[in-house]
Each structure stands twice: as C-alpha cells, then as structure tokens.
Amino acid sequence: STATLLCAERARVRAVVVDTDVGMDDVAAIALLAAAKIPVELITTTCGICQPGTGSVHMQHVARALGLTCRVVAGAEDARVETHAQWEHSQHEAISALCGSFGTAAPVPRTEPSGEAAADAILEAARAETQRPLTVLALGGMTNLGIAARKDPRGFARIERIVFVGGVRTTKAGYHHQPYNARLDPHALRDVLRSRVPLLLLGHECFPTPAWCTSALATLKAAARSLATAEVPWAARILSHVFELDERQMAFDPLAVFYLAHPEAFAATEPMAVRVTEGAQWRFEQSAAEGADAEGVVEFGGIDLDSYRDWLVRATTL
C-alpha cells in the first residue's frame, strides 16, 4: 500500500534541516518531505530566488499548510549581490500567490534576515542530534552554512551529511563550472567544503530532461484525475500546483528528497577531491588531492527515472 511504502521511506531518514532559497522547486521539496513524512527539524532561508525579508514568511505559510511544526528561521536572504533576473521575480510572484491561496487565518510574523541567526539555529540542531544524526538539504546559497562552519567547526562537524543541489561533473562542452547554488556564495561553499562534513552532490547527470518532465507531468495528472479535490491533502495540492506551473521544477531540489527516500535509485560514483578556485572566474571543479578544499565528495552519476516518476505519483495522489 502507499502508506506502507511511505513508512518504509521514512524509516531511512532521521532528522533533516532544510536550508532553502525559497524557489518553486524548494516549495515542492518541502511538500515532498511532508508527503513522505520525513522529519523536518528546522527550515532556514538563504539567498537565492527569494526577495530579502519575504522568504521566511513564505516558508512559514508553506509549513503551516503542510502541518509542519518545525522552526522557520529567516537567514541570509539579503546576502545576494547579483540583481534578480526576471525568471526569479516570476517565481517569487508565483510563490506569493500560492501562499495567498492557503487561507491561513493567523498572520505570519516578518523577521529581519540574519545569517547569524540561521547559523545559530543550524548549530543548535547539530549539537542536539546525538541520537539522530543530522542531514542538511542545501537547496540555495551556502551562506548560512558557511557562517555556521566558521563559527563553531566542532559543532558543525556533528552534521552527518550535506546534500547539495549543484555539481562539478558534466558532459556539456564549455561548461562554466558555476552552478546556480554555488554562484550565490562561492566563498561560503569553500568554507563548507573545508569543514570536512561529508558532501553529496546532485548535478547535471541527475537532472531529468525537460522532455522527461513533460511526460512525467502527464502521468501525474492522469493519476490525480481519479481523486476528488476534497480528498487531496495540501502536500499533493502544492506539488500539483508547482509542477503544472512549471514541470521542470521536478528536475532540481525535489531530487534531494528523493535521495533521502530512495538512495538506491542513485548511481554511485567514486569519491573525488573538489575545490572552489579563487578570483572572479572561480570554478567549482574536481581537482587533485593536493590543493583540494575537500576529499571524498560524491556526485551521483544518474538516477532511476522510472522509480522517481513512480515516487512522485505516490506523493501527489496520497
């Protein structure tokens, strides 16, 4: 049964912190965590798609709708230097509209962004998880995590693993080696690498193609047609809403949750040494052990797309 499958998935994961830039794929990832009943200890917001001062508000609305009781801490939403592109403004507006549809009665307090506050919350979670090792899903700029790594290296080292959406491997010719989440704060990424906390990368070799996402959306819609609207919980509604607005959102942050649920669906590769080079033309790249910022980093070489599609169907028709 679906319930049995989701319970089996949940048993593999213990405690999760989500560090998010509050894009549409991030909202989908949070909804998938709720659908799979994976325990979320903390949500922190960071720089990326969200506008400063709004990311934590949106995440509190999302958490309430999903019935999550974890803390939401406004982090380094204001650390971004680059101007937001039009596609990022469009995502922000779409998430604002989605949050407005939840109909929650109580107002959500607005908190000033603070990377220090988010770093403290992450460190507190890491120190507290003596029985349940902590996984961090890094779904945006690494600013909060970089502050935490510098502030208390020993406390930060208690994190069991960080799953980062962004990689160094690609078959693309002339690739710039500046994936979106790395580009938001390469200095913080370097600090996290040097912390020696195990890092798992989800990069180009895991991302489904746009054609696959279009086909998967058709499968999800066909499965959902058998359900009455009144019976569909908020997690499934949010997922359907996000994917119908832009099915390509399946290709990014939701993969991090799929990894927690089904690590066996990801193609293992040999651990490698990586670094973030210096200067304006920096690169996040594989390197020799000498001069590396971290060794033993794993970037997955692909995923079982049939399993991923089936898992998304279960989540959107629960």
Protein backbone atom coordinates (compact mmCIF):
# COMPACT_ATOMS: atom_id res chain seq x y z
CA SER A 1 0.00 0.00 0.00
CA THR A 2 1.00 3.66 -0.35
CA ALA A 3 1.10 4.05 3.44
CA THR A 4 3.43 1.06 3.77
CA LEU A 5 5.71 2.40 1.06
CA LEU A 6 5.90 5.84 2.64
CA CYS A 7 6.60 4.34 6.08
CA ALA A 8 9.47 2.35 4.58
CA GLU A 9 10.87 5.52 3.04
CA ARG A 10 10.53 7.47 6.30
CA ALA A 11 12.38 4.81 8.30
CA ARG A 12 15.57 5.51 6.36
CA VAL A 13 15.84 9.14 7.46
CA ARG A 14 16.23 10.50 10.95
CA ALA A 15 16.50 14.29 11.24
CA VAL A 16 16.58 16.89 8.47
CA VAL A 17 17.39 20.59 8.26
CA VAL A 18 16.34 22.35 5.06
CA ASP A 19 18.37 25.41 4.04
CA THR A 20 16.35 26.97 1.23
CA ASP A 21 16.31 29.96 -1.11
CA VAL A 22 12.52 29.53 -1.41
CA GLY A 23 12.18 28.86 -5.12
CA MET A 24 9.36 26.84 -6.62
CA ASP A 25 11.44 23.66 -6.59
CA ASP A 26 12.21 24.30 -2.90
CA VAL A 27 8.49 24.53 -2.11
CA ALA A 28 7.98 21.24 -3.96
CA ALA A 29 10.82 19.66 -1.95
CA ILE A 30 9.22 20.75 1.35
CA ALA A 31 5.88 19.33 0.21
CA LEU A 32 7.56 16.04 -0.69
CA LEU A 33 9.18 15.86 2.76
CA ALA A 34 5.73 16.30 4.29
CA ALA A 35 4.13 13.75 1.95
CA ALA A 36 6.79 11.15 2.79
CA LYS A 37 6.57 12.07 6.50
CA ILE A 38 10.31 12.65 6.68
CA PRO A 39 11.02 14.52 9.95
CA VAL A 40 11.99 18.17 9.40
CA GLU A 41 13.69 19.70 12.43
CA LEU A 42 14.36 23.17 11.06
CA ILE A 43 13.92 25.32 7.94
CA THR A 44 16.34 28.21 7.35
CA THR A 45 16.10 30.64 4.47
CA THR A 46 19.09 31.82 2.49
CA CYS A 47 19.98 33.92 -0.54
CA GLY A 48 18.80 32.98 -4.00
CA ILE A 49 15.36 33.29 -5.50
CA CYS A 50 13.52 34.80 -2.53
CA GLN A 51 13.41 38.56 -2.05
CA PRO A 52 15.03 39.71 1.23
CA GLY A 53 12.53 39.69 4.09
CA THR A 54 9.96 37.50 2.33
CA GLY A 55 11.49 34.03 2.17
CA SER A 56 10.81 33.08 5.78
CA VAL A 57 7.27 34.47 5.54
CA HIS A 58 6.55 32.28 2.53
CA MET A 59 8.12 29.25 4.23
CA GLN A 60 6.02 29.77 7.36
CA HIS A 61 2.88 29.80 5.19
CA VAL A 62 4.01 26.63 3.43
CA ALA A 63 4.91 24.89 6.70
CA ARG A 64 1.54 25.75 8.24
CA ALA A 65 -0.37 24.48 5.24
CA LEU A 66 1.57 21.21 5.36
CA GLY A 67 1.11 20.78 9.11
CA LEU A 68 4.83 21.05 9.84
CA THR A 69 5.69 22.21 13.36
CA CYS A 70 9.40 22.89 12.86
CA ARG A 71 11.02 26.30 13.37
CA VAL A 72 11.43 28.57 10.36
CA VAL A 73 14.36 30.99 10.74
CA ALA A 74 14.99 33.94 8.43
CA GLY A 75 18.59 33.56 7.33
CA ALA A 76 20.89 35.26 4.85
CA GLU A 77 18.17 36.23 2.38
CA ASP A 78 19.92 39.61 1.93
CA ALA A 79 23.40 38.22 1.15
CA ARG A 80 22.91 38.12 -2.60
CA VAL A 81 24.96 40.59 -4.67
CA GLU A 82 23.56 39.95 -8.17
CA THR A 83 20.31 41.57 -9.29
CA HIS A 84 17.41 39.13 -9.54
CA ALA A 85 16.57 38.04 -13.10
CA GLN A 86 13.06 38.18 -14.48
CA TRP A 87 12.54 34.42 -14.13
CA GLU A 88 13.42 34.71 -10.44
CA HIS A 89 10.92 37.56 -9.96
CA SER A 90 8.31 35.40 -11.69
CA GLN A 91 8.94 32.51 -9.31
CA HIS A 92 8.73 34.84 -6.32
CA GLU A 93 5.37 36.17 -7.51
CA ALA A 94 4.07 32.65 -8.14
CA ILE A 95 5.01 31.57 -4.61
CA SER A 96 3.38 34.70 -3.15
CA ALA A 97 0.16 33.82 -4.99
CA LEU A 98 0.36 30.21 -3.82
CA CYS A 99 0.80 31.27 -0.19
CA GLY A 100 -2.16 33.60 -0.54
CA SER A 101 -4.32 30.63 -1.55
CA PHE A 102 -3.76 28.72 1.69
CA GLY A 103 -6.33 30.75 3.60
CA THR A 104 -4.49 30.62 6.95
CA ALA A 105 -6.20 32.85 9.47
CA ALA A 106 -3.30 33.84 11.72
CA PRO A 107 -0.82 36.40 10.33
CA VAL A 108 2.77 35.27 9.80
CA PRO A 109 5.37 37.43 11.58
CA ARG A 110 8.02 39.02 9.38
CA THR A 111 11.58 38.67 10.71
CA GLU A 112 14.64 40.58 9.54
CA PRO A 113 17.02 38.29 7.63
CA SER A 114 20.07 37.20 9.63
CA GLY A 115 22.68 34.73 8.51
CA GLU A 116 23.97 34.64 12.10
CA ALA A 117 20.55 33.65 13.44
CA ALA A 118 20.21 30.87 10.85
CA ALA A 119 23.75 29.64 11.57
CA ASP A 120 23.00 29.53 15.30
CA ALA A 121 19.81 27.54 14.65
CA ILE A 122 21.68 25.06 12.43
CA LEU A 123 24.41 24.61 15.04
CA GLU A 124 21.82 24.14 17.78
CA ALA A 125 20.17 21.40 15.71
CA ALA A 126 23.53 19.74 15.03
CA ARG A 127 24.54 19.75 18.71
CA ALA A 128 21.14 18.37 19.78
CA GLU A 129 21.12 15.40 17.42
CA THR A 130 23.18 12.95 19.46
CA GLN A 131 20.84 10.02 18.85
CA ARG A 132 19.60 11.00 15.39
CA PRO A 133 22.43 12.17 13.10
CA LEU A 134 21.51 15.27 11.14
CA THR A 135 21.16 15.60 7.37
CA VAL A 136 21.14 19.07 5.82
CA LEU A 137 19.48 19.65 2.46
CA ALA A 138 21.34 22.64 0.98
CA LEU A 139 18.89 23.99 -1.60
CA GLY A 140 20.22 27.53 -2.08
CA GLY A 141 23.28 29.66 -1.42
CA MET A 142 25.60 28.23 1.23
CA THR A 143 25.81 31.48 3.24
CA ASN A 144 24.10 30.26 6.42
CA LEU A 145 26.08 27.02 6.39
CA GLY A 146 29.35 28.84 5.74
CA ILE A 147 28.76 31.10 8.75
CA ALA A 148 27.98 28.06 10.90
CA ALA A 149 31.12 26.23 9.72
CA ARG A 150 33.34 29.20 10.60
CA LYS A 151 31.56 29.99 13.88
CA ASP A 152 31.78 26.55 15.50
CA PRO A 153 33.77 24.00 13.48
CA ARG A 154 33.32 21.26 16.09
CA GLY A 155 29.58 21.76 16.35
CA PHE A 156 29.24 21.92 12.56
CA ALA A 157 31.19 18.67 12.24
CA ARG A 158 28.35 16.87 14.06
CA ILE A 159 26.27 17.13 10.88
CA GLU A 160 26.22 13.66 9.35
CA ARG A 161 25.96 14.78 5.72
CA ILE A 162 25.01 17.68 3.46
CA VAL A 163 23.08 17.05 0.25
CA PHE A 164 23.79 19.93 -2.14
CA VAL A 165 21.94 20.61 -5.38
CA GLY A 166 24.83 21.55 -7.64
CA GLY A 167 27.75 19.60 -9.01
CA VAL A 168 31.10 19.60 -10.74
CA ARG A 169 30.57 16.82 -13.29
CA THR A 170 29.01 17.49 -16.68
CA THR A 171 29.09 16.33 -20.29
CA LYS A 172 28.31 19.85 -21.52
CA ALA A 173 31.04 21.36 -23.67
CA GLY A 174 32.43 24.62 -22.34
CA TYR A 175 30.59 24.34 -19.01
CA HIS A 176 31.30 27.34 -16.78
CA HIS A 177 31.51 25.29 -13.53
CA GLN A 178 29.45 27.87 -11.66
CA PRO A 179 26.17 26.06 -10.85
CA TYR A 180 23.37 28.30 -9.64
CA ASN A 181 23.51 27.49 -5.92
CA ALA A 182 27.31 27.67 -5.86
CA ARG A 183 27.30 31.00 -7.69
CA LEU A 184 25.19 32.60 -4.97
CA ASP A 185 28.07 32.41 -2.46
CA PRO A 186 31.20 30.57 -3.63
CA HIS A 187 33.18 31.68 -0.56
CA ALA A 188 30.66 30.02 1.77
CA LEU A 189 30.74 26.87 -0.37
CA ARG A 190 34.50 26.77 0.07
CA ASP A 191 34.12 27.09 3.85
CA VAL A 192 31.63 24.21 3.92
CA LEU A 193 33.94 22.04 1.82
CA ARG A 194 36.81 22.70 4.20
CA SER A 195 34.67 21.68 7.18
CA ARG A 196 35.07 18.04 6.05
CA VAL A 197 31.40 17.29 6.65
CA PRO A 198 30.52 14.60 4.06
CA LEU A 199 29.06 16.25 0.95
CA LEU A 200 26.78 14.59 -1.59
CA LEU A 201 26.27 16.42 -4.89
CA LEU A 202 23.28 16.30 -7.21
CA GLY A 203 24.32 17.79 -10.52
CA HIS A 204 23.68 17.65 -14.27
CA GLU A 205 23.95 13.88 -14.54
CA CYS A 206 20.96 13.51 -12.20
CA PHE A 207 18.71 16.22 -13.65
CA PRO A 208 15.88 14.83 -15.81
CA THR A 209 15.47 16.39 -19.26
CA PRO A 210 12.63 18.85 -19.99
CA ALA A 211 11.02 16.19 -22.21
CA TRP A 212 11.03 13.69 -19.33
CA CYS A 213 9.46 16.28 -17.01
CA THR A 214 6.69 16.95 -19.54
CA SER A 215 5.97 13.23 -19.84
CA ALA A 216 6.04 12.75 -16.06
CA LEU A 217 3.61 15.62 -15.56
CA ALA A 218 1.14 13.92 -17.91
CA THR A 219 1.45 10.74 -15.82
CA LEU A 220 0.90 12.67 -12.57
CA LYS A 221 -2.18 14.44 -13.96
CA ALA A 222 -3.68 11.17 -15.17
CA ALA A 223 -3.16 9.59 -11.73
CA ALA A 224 -4.66 12.62 -9.97
CA ARG A 225 -7.85 12.64 -12.05
CA SER A 226 -9.16 9.66 -10.07
CA LEU A 227 -9.16 11.69 -6.83
CA ALA A 228 -11.84 14.10 -5.62
CA THR A 229 -10.45 17.57 -4.83
CA ALA A 230 -11.79 17.48 -1.27
CA GLU A 231 -9.76 14.36 -0.56
CA VAL A 232 -6.40 15.75 -1.68
CA PRO A 233 -4.13 16.95 1.15
CA TRP A 234 -2.13 20.16 0.91
CA ALA A 235 1.14 18.39 0.08
CA ALA A 236 -0.39 16.88 -3.07
CA ARG A 237 -2.14 20.15 -3.95
CA ILE A 238 1.09 22.13 -3.64
CA LEU A 239 3.03 19.62 -5.73
CA SER A 240 0.38 19.60 -8.46
CA HIS A 241 0.25 23.40 -8.45
CA VAL A 242 4.04 23.82 -8.74
CA PHE A 243 4.52 21.15 -11.40
CA GLU A 244 1.61 22.40 -13.51
CA LEU A 245 3.09 25.91 -13.44
CA ASP A 246 6.49 24.58 -14.47
CA GLU A 247 7.14 20.86 -14.75
CA ARG A 248 10.91 21.48 -14.90
CA GLN A 249 10.82 22.05 -11.13
CA MET A 250 10.84 18.24 -10.84
CA ALA A 251 14.42 18.30 -12.12
CA PHE A 252 16.12 20.07 -9.24
CA ASP A 253 15.51 20.33 -5.46
CA PRO A 254 12.90 17.52 -5.26
CA LEU A 255 15.74 15.15 -6.18
CA ALA A 256 17.33 15.81 -2.79
CA VAL A 257 14.21 14.47 -1.06
CA PHE A 258 14.04 11.53 -3.44
CA TYR A 259 17.61 10.69 -2.44
CA LEU A 260 16.63 10.60 1.24
CA ALA A 261 13.72 8.30 0.42
CA HIS A 262 15.43 6.08 -2.15
CA PRO A 263 19.24 6.31 -2.12
CA GLU A 264 19.41 3.02 -4.02
CA ALA A 265 17.90 4.80 -7.06
CA PHE A 266 21.04 6.91 -7.47
CA ALA A 267 24.07 5.72 -9.45
CA ALA A 268 27.14 5.60 -7.23
CA THR A 269 30.43 7.08 -8.41
CA GLU A 270 33.92 7.09 -6.98
CA PRO A 271 34.53 9.75 -4.29
CA MET A 272 36.61 12.64 -5.54
CA ALA A 273 38.50 15.73 -4.44
CA VAL A 274 36.95 19.10 -5.29
CA ARG A 275 37.75 22.75 -4.87
CA VAL A 276 36.41 26.24 -5.44
CA THR A 277 39.11 28.23 -7.19
CA GLU A 278 39.88 31.85 -6.37
CA GLY A 279 39.19 35.01 -8.35
CA ALA A 280 36.39 36.47 -10.44
CA GLN A 281 36.44 33.49 -12.79
CA TRP A 282 36.27 30.94 -9.96
CA ARG A 283 35.22 27.36 -10.72
CA PHE A 284 33.62 24.62 -8.63
CA GLU A 285 35.56 21.69 -10.01
CA GLN A 286 37.16 18.32 -9.48
CA SER A 287 40.81 18.56 -8.51
CA ALA A 288 43.86 16.63 -7.42
CA ALA A 289 44.04 15.84 -3.72
CA GLU A 290 46.80 18.40 -3.33
CA GLY A 291 45.13 21.79 -3.26
CA ALA A 292 41.61 20.42 -2.83
CA ASP A 293 39.11 22.04 -0.46
CA ALA A 294 37.58 18.64 0.29
CA GLU A 295 38.20 14.98 -0.47
CA GLY A 296 35.76 12.08 -0.53
CA VAL A 297 32.99 14.11 -2.15
CA VAL A 298 30.39 12.03 -4.00
CA GLU A 299 28.50 13.29 -7.04
CA PHE A 300 25.88 10.85 -8.28
CA GLY A 301 26.09 9.72 -11.88
CA GLY A 302 22.36 9.46 -12.59
CA ILE A 303 19.05 8.27 -11.17
CA ASP A 304 16.44 5.60 -11.89
CA LEU A 305 13.87 7.80 -13.60
CA ASP A 306 11.12 5.18 -13.50
CA SER A 307 11.44 4.96 -9.73
CA TYR A 308 11.46 8.75 -9.45
CA ARG A 309 8.29 9.09 -11.53
CA ASP A 310 6.52 6.38 -9.52
CA TRP A 311 7.53 8.05 -6.26
CA LEU A 312 6.18 11.41 -7.45
CA VAL A 313 2.89 9.71 -8.37
CA ARG A 314 2.60 8.30 -4.86
CA ALA A 315 3.33 11.71 -3.34
CA THR A 316 0.78 13.56 -5.49
CA THR A 317 -2.01 11.00 -5.05
CA LEU A 318 -1.60 10.21 -1.34
